Amino acid sequence: MFVFTGPTDMQTHIEQRLRKAAAEGARYRDFKHKDELRKFLFERQGHRCAYCERPVSLKQRGKKNIDHAPGRPPSTKIEHFHPKSLPAQGKNCMTYNDSHSPGFPLALPNLLLVCSGSTASETHCDTRKDNQDVCDTFLSPLTLDPTTDPARWSLVLINRDGRATPNPVIFNTETAYDAANSVLNDVLNVNLDRLVELRRTRYAEFIKEFAKSRRAHFKHHSRQSISNMKETLSLKMKAELLTENPAFPSVQWSFMRAELS
């Protein structure tokens, strides 16, 4: 659940379409430009699911769509972070509304692109979340800002074992941390075995590459200069996160913070 860094040049155009539809009293299901909206969200999010960060396709999820093929990007659907069927319930719900077109169903701050969220035996991401309101216990990735402290670029930390836990810099009290952890595990189910293994494998790849770089570095430099090597690698990986939209960016970000700082 990493900060979005993809292009947003279509944003004004999409906002105008959504606000016009809201002003005309349209419901979300009647919105005629969903394909255009889907493409915008796809680009803004770097071709990744907003929740589990897997690469996704532009293909729309069907009613019986189950993600059986691990090597193929899953289909997608448009998610309302605050459920479109519910009025504002908590103090933070209005964060995801649009003051220019009141109503969560057509508010761009409330819209995310997510994966199909289904395996043969389990659901996750929005398919698991369904109509649960988590506005007061969790945050949308849209609230993250790439111009702020890099420590706040992700809602989650990924451990070496691939498990996702709340970022304690953001969820900085015991109550907030526990509530966010419950959302990750009970509402979004992002720590199901398959997703954990994908992240664990990705983290292991970074460790392997770092060990290789260290060995190459020591052939030509003293061990005392390892801090400079770490700093250079960290800057390179940080730039990649902001410009290249890698898969599982929170894994890369967590590796940087745990292994290179």
Protein backbone atom coordinates (compact mmCIF):
# COMPACT_ATOMS: atom_id res chain seq x y z
CA MET A 1 0.00 0.00 0.00
CA PHE A 2 2.51 2.40 -1.35
CA VAL A 3 2.27 6.02 -2.42
CA PHE A 4 0.98 6.43 -5.99
CA THR A 5 3.57 7.96 -8.31
CA GLY A 6 2.09 7.31 -11.75
CA PRO A 7 1.05 10.07 -14.19
CA THR A 8 -2.04 12.11 -13.31
CA ASP A 9 -2.35 14.24 -16.46
CA MET A 10 -5.86 12.85 -17.05
CA GLN A 11 -7.04 13.73 -13.56
CA THR A 12 -8.78 17.04 -14.33
CA HIS A 13 -10.63 15.45 -17.25
CA ILE A 14 -11.78 12.49 -15.13
CA GLU A 15 -12.82 14.75 -12.24
CA GLN A 16 -14.94 16.84 -14.60
CA ARG A 17 -16.71 13.76 -15.92
CA LEU A 18 -17.41 12.46 -12.42
CA ARG A 19 -18.64 15.83 -11.13
CA LYS A 20 -20.89 16.32 -14.14
CA ALA A 21 -22.43 12.88 -13.61
CA ALA A 22 -22.94 13.61 -9.90
CA ALA A 23 -24.56 16.97 -10.68
CA GLU A 24 -26.96 15.20 -13.02
CA GLY A 25 -27.95 12.81 -10.26
CA ALA A 26 -26.32 9.76 -11.85
CA ARG A 27 -25.50 6.71 -9.79
CA TYR A 28 -22.14 5.00 -10.05
CA ARG A 29 -23.57 2.07 -11.99
CA ASP A 30 -24.87 4.54 -14.60
CA PHE A 31 -21.52 6.31 -15.06
CA LYS A 32 -20.71 5.96 -18.76
CA HIS A 33 -16.96 6.43 -18.66
CA LYS A 34 -15.79 3.56 -16.45
CA ASP A 35 -13.26 2.33 -19.03
CA GLU A 36 -11.66 5.77 -19.12
CA LEU A 37 -11.70 5.93 -15.32
CA ARG A 38 -10.17 2.45 -15.07
CA LYS A 39 -7.33 3.45 -17.39
CA PHE A 40 -6.62 6.59 -15.36
CA LEU A 41 -6.51 4.64 -12.08
CA PHE A 42 -4.34 1.97 -13.72
CA GLU A 43 -1.76 4.56 -14.78
CA ARG A 44 -1.89 6.56 -11.54
CA GLN A 45 -1.22 3.44 -9.47
CA GLY A 46 1.67 2.22 -11.60
CA HIS A 47 -0.28 -0.80 -12.93
CA ARG A 48 -0.59 -2.25 -9.40
CA CYS A 49 -3.41 -3.26 -7.08
CA ALA A 50 -3.89 -0.49 -4.52
CA TYR A 51 -3.94 -3.03 -1.67
CA CYS A 52 -1.72 -6.07 -2.35
CA GLU A 53 0.56 -4.26 -4.88
CA ARG A 54 0.57 -7.08 -7.39
CA PRO A 55 0.84 -6.06 -11.05
CA VAL A 56 -2.65 -6.04 -12.57
CA SER A 57 -4.14 -5.87 -16.04
CA LEU A 58 -6.75 -3.51 -17.45
CA LYS A 59 -9.13 -6.42 -17.93
CA GLN A 60 -12.35 -5.99 -15.96
CA ARG A 61 -13.12 -8.61 -13.33
CA GLY A 62 -16.08 -10.81 -14.19
CA LYS A 63 -18.56 -12.19 -11.69
CA LYS A 64 -16.87 -15.61 -11.67
CA ASN A 65 -13.34 -14.40 -12.17
CA ILE A 66 -10.88 -16.34 -10.01
CA ASP A 67 -7.18 -15.70 -10.16
CA HIS A 68 -5.88 -19.17 -11.00
CA ALA A 69 -2.79 -18.24 -13.02
CA PRO A 70 0.08 -17.03 -10.78
CA GLY A 71 2.15 -15.76 -13.71
CA ARG A 72 -0.61 -13.73 -15.29
CA PRO A 73 -1.60 -10.26 -14.02
CA PRO A 74 -5.08 -10.52 -12.50
CA SER A 75 -8.08 -8.64 -13.77
CA THR A 76 -9.30 -5.57 -11.92
CA LYS A 77 -12.28 -3.75 -10.52
CA ILE A 78 -12.85 -0.23 -9.28
CA GLU A 79 -12.99 -0.03 -5.50
CA HIS A 80 -14.70 2.56 -3.31
CA PHE A 81 -12.52 2.95 -0.21
CA HIS A 82 -15.53 4.29 1.66
CA PRO A 83 -18.34 1.92 0.59
CA LYS A 84 -20.51 3.62 -2.01
CA SER A 85 -23.65 2.20 -0.40
CA LEU A 86 -22.99 3.75 3.01
CA PRO A 87 -23.32 7.34 4.26
CA ALA A 88 -20.51 8.90 6.25
CA GLN A 89 -20.35 7.02 9.54
CA GLY A 90 -17.07 7.95 11.21
CA LYS A 91 -15.13 11.16 11.69
CA ASN A 92 -12.73 10.41 8.83
CA CYS A 93 -15.21 9.28 6.17
CA MET A 94 -15.48 12.70 4.54
CA THR A 95 -11.74 12.57 3.74
CA TYR A 96 -12.72 10.47 0.74
CA ASN A 97 -15.54 12.66 -0.53
CA ASP A 98 -15.32 15.43 -3.14
CA SER A 99 -16.65 18.79 -2.02
CA HIS A 100 -17.42 19.68 -5.65
CA SER A 101 -19.70 16.68 -6.17
CA PRO A 102 -20.91 15.40 -2.79
CA GLY A 103 -21.49 11.68 -2.70
CA PHE A 104 -18.97 8.90 -2.29
CA PRO A 105 -19.93 6.84 -5.38
CA LEU A 106 -18.58 9.43 -7.84
CA ALA A 107 -15.84 11.07 -5.74
CA LEU A 108 -12.38 10.56 -7.24
CA PRO A 109 -10.63 10.70 -3.80
CA ASN A 110 -12.64 7.57 -2.96
CA LEU A 111 -11.73 5.49 -6.01
CA LEU A 112 -8.97 2.88 -6.29
CA LEU A 113 -8.15 0.12 -8.75
CA VAL A 114 -7.79 -3.29 -7.14
CA CYS A 115 -7.10 -6.85 -8.24
CA SER A 116 -9.72 -9.56 -8.64
CA GLY A 117 -9.09 -10.52 -5.01
CA SER A 118 -9.92 -14.19 -5.40
CA THR A 119 -8.02 -17.45 -5.36
CA ALA A 120 -9.47 -20.93 -5.60
CA SER A 121 -9.98 -21.02 -1.83
CA GLU A 122 -9.67 -17.50 -0.37
CA THR A 123 -10.59 -13.89 -0.96
CA HIS A 124 -8.50 -10.81 -0.26
CA CYS A 125 -8.26 -7.07 -0.97
CA ASP A 126 -11.61 -5.47 -1.86
CA THR A 127 -13.32 -8.79 -2.54
CA ARG A 128 -12.74 -9.63 1.13
CA LYS A 129 -13.36 -6.08 2.37
CA ASP A 130 -16.70 -5.79 0.55
CA ASN A 131 -18.84 -3.07 2.20
CA GLN A 132 -16.91 -2.69 5.44
CA ASP A 133 -16.19 0.90 6.46
CA VAL A 134 -12.56 1.20 7.63
CA CYS A 135 -12.19 4.97 7.32
CA ASP A 136 -11.56 5.44 11.05
CA THR A 137 -9.13 2.53 11.45
CA PHE A 138 -7.10 2.57 8.25
CA LEU A 139 -6.08 4.90 5.41
CA SER A 140 -6.40 4.86 1.65
CA PRO A 141 -3.06 4.81 -0.22
CA LEU A 142 -4.31 8.01 -1.84
CA THR A 143 -3.60 9.85 1.41
CA LEU A 144 0.14 9.21 0.97
CA ASP A 145 2.28 11.96 -0.55
CA PRO A 146 5.62 11.37 -2.36
CA THR A 147 6.80 14.87 -1.37
CA THR A 148 6.70 14.03 2.35
CA ASP A 149 9.15 12.14 4.56
CA PRO A 150 10.02 8.81 2.85
CA ALA A 151 9.23 7.10 6.17
CA ARG A 152 5.57 7.82 5.34
CA TRP A 153 5.56 6.49 1.77
CA SER A 154 3.92 3.18 2.68
CA LEU A 155 1.07 2.18 4.97
CA VAL A 156 2.80 -1.12 5.67
CA LEU A 157 6.17 -2.57 6.52
CA ILE A 158 7.12 -5.86 4.90
CA ASN A 159 9.22 -8.19 7.02
CA ARG A 160 11.80 -10.64 5.68
CA ASP A 161 9.24 -13.43 6.00
CA GLY A 162 6.91 -11.55 3.64
CA ARG A 163 4.29 -10.58 6.20
CA ALA A 164 2.80 -7.08 6.08
CA THR A 165 2.45 -5.10 9.30
CA PRO A 166 1.27 -1.50 9.86
CA ASN A 167 3.84 1.26 9.41
CA PRO A 168 4.40 2.47 13.01
CA VAL A 169 5.38 5.93 11.78
CA ILE A 170 1.81 6.39 10.50
CA PHE A 171 -0.09 4.20 12.98
CA ASN A 172 1.88 5.57 15.89
CA THR A 173 -0.17 4.58 18.92
CA GLU A 174 -0.85 1.10 20.22
CA THR A 175 -4.57 1.51 19.55
CA ALA A 176 -4.07 2.77 16.00
CA TYR A 177 -1.49 0.07 15.25
CA ASP A 178 -3.71 -2.75 16.50
CA ALA A 179 -6.73 -1.43 14.58
CA ALA A 180 -4.70 -1.15 11.36
CA ASN A 181 -3.28 -4.64 11.89
CA SER A 182 -6.82 -5.98 12.17
CA VAL A 183 -7.72 -4.37 8.84
CA LEU A 184 -4.68 -5.90 7.14
CA ASN A 185 -5.42 -9.40 8.40
CA ASP A 186 -9.16 -9.62 8.97
CA VAL A 187 -10.60 -7.18 6.43
CA LEU A 188 -8.13 -7.17 3.51
CA ASN A 189 -6.49 -10.54 4.22
CA VAL A 190 -3.21 -9.40 2.66
CA ASN A 191 -1.26 -11.91 4.74
CA LEU A 192 -2.74 -14.98 3.14
CA ASP A 193 -0.07 -17.54 2.29
CA ARG A 194 0.11 -16.84 -1.44
CA LEU A 195 0.66 -13.09 -1.06
CA VAL A 196 3.14 -13.58 1.78
CA GLU A 197 5.18 -15.96 -0.37
CA LEU A 198 5.27 -13.50 -3.29
CA ARG A 199 6.57 -10.76 -0.99
CA ARG A 200 9.01 -13.07 0.79
CA THR A 201 10.47 -14.10 -2.57
CA ARG A 202 10.79 -10.49 -3.64
CA TYR A 203 12.53 -9.53 -0.39
CA ALA A 204 14.91 -12.48 -0.75
CA GLU A 205 15.83 -11.27 -4.25
CA PHE A 206 16.86 -7.90 -2.82
CA ILE A 207 18.96 -9.58 -0.11
CA LYS A 208 20.68 -11.76 -2.70
CA GLU A 209 21.45 -8.80 -4.96
CA PHE A 210 22.71 -6.76 -2.02
CA ALA A 211 25.06 -9.56 -0.94
CA LYS A 212 26.38 -9.77 -4.50
CA SER A 213 26.96 -6.00 -4.58
CA ARG A 214 28.77 -6.14 -1.23
CA ARG A 215 31.15 -8.82 -2.47
CA ALA A 216 31.91 -6.83 -5.61
CA HIS A 217 32.38 -3.67 -3.55
CA PHE A 218 34.91 -5.31 -1.18
CA LYS A 219 37.11 -6.36 -4.08
CA HIS A 220 37.97 -2.73 -4.72
CA HIS A 221 37.14 -0.85 -1.51
CA SER A 222 37.70 -1.14 2.22
CA ARG A 223 35.00 -2.42 4.52
CA GLN A 224 34.87 1.01 6.12
CA SER A 225 33.33 2.40 2.92
CA ILE A 226 30.29 0.11 3.08
CA SER A 227 28.15 2.95 4.43
CA ASN A 228 28.80 4.95 1.26
CA MET A 229 27.86 1.96 -0.85
CA LYS A 230 24.60 1.54 1.10
CA GLU A 231 23.76 5.21 0.71
CA THR A 232 24.35 5.09 -3.05
CA LEU A 233 22.20 1.98 -3.44
CA SER A 234 19.47 3.47 -1.26
CA LEU A 235 19.30 6.62 -3.40
CA LYS A 236 19.12 4.49 -6.55
CA MET A 237 16.29 2.35 -5.17
CA LYS A 238 14.41 5.41 -3.91
CA ALA A 239 14.54 6.95 -7.40
CA GLU A 240 13.26 3.68 -8.87
CA LEU A 241 10.29 3.71 -6.51
CA LEU A 242 9.28 7.18 -7.65
CA THR A 243 9.83 6.75 -11.39
CA GLU A 244 9.69 3.09 -12.44
CA ASN A 245 6.61 1.74 -10.61
CA PRO A 246 8.06 -1.65 -9.58
CA ALA A 247 5.87 -4.49 -8.38
CA PHE A 248 5.51 -4.76 -4.60
CA PRO A 249 7.06 -1.34 -3.91
CA SER A 250 6.51 -1.68 -0.16
CA VAL A 251 8.89 -4.66 -0.21
CA GLN A 252 11.59 -2.57 -1.86
CA TRP A 253 10.91 0.36 0.49
CA SER A 254 11.00 -1.92 3.56
CA PHE A 255 14.25 -3.52 2.41
CA MET A 256 15.82 -0.07 2.05
CA ARG A 257 14.78 0.98 5.53
CA ALA A 258 15.76 -2.28 7.24
CA GLU A 259 18.92 -3.24 5.38
CA LEU A 260 20.41 -0.02 3.98
CA SER A 261 19.86 2.54 6.72
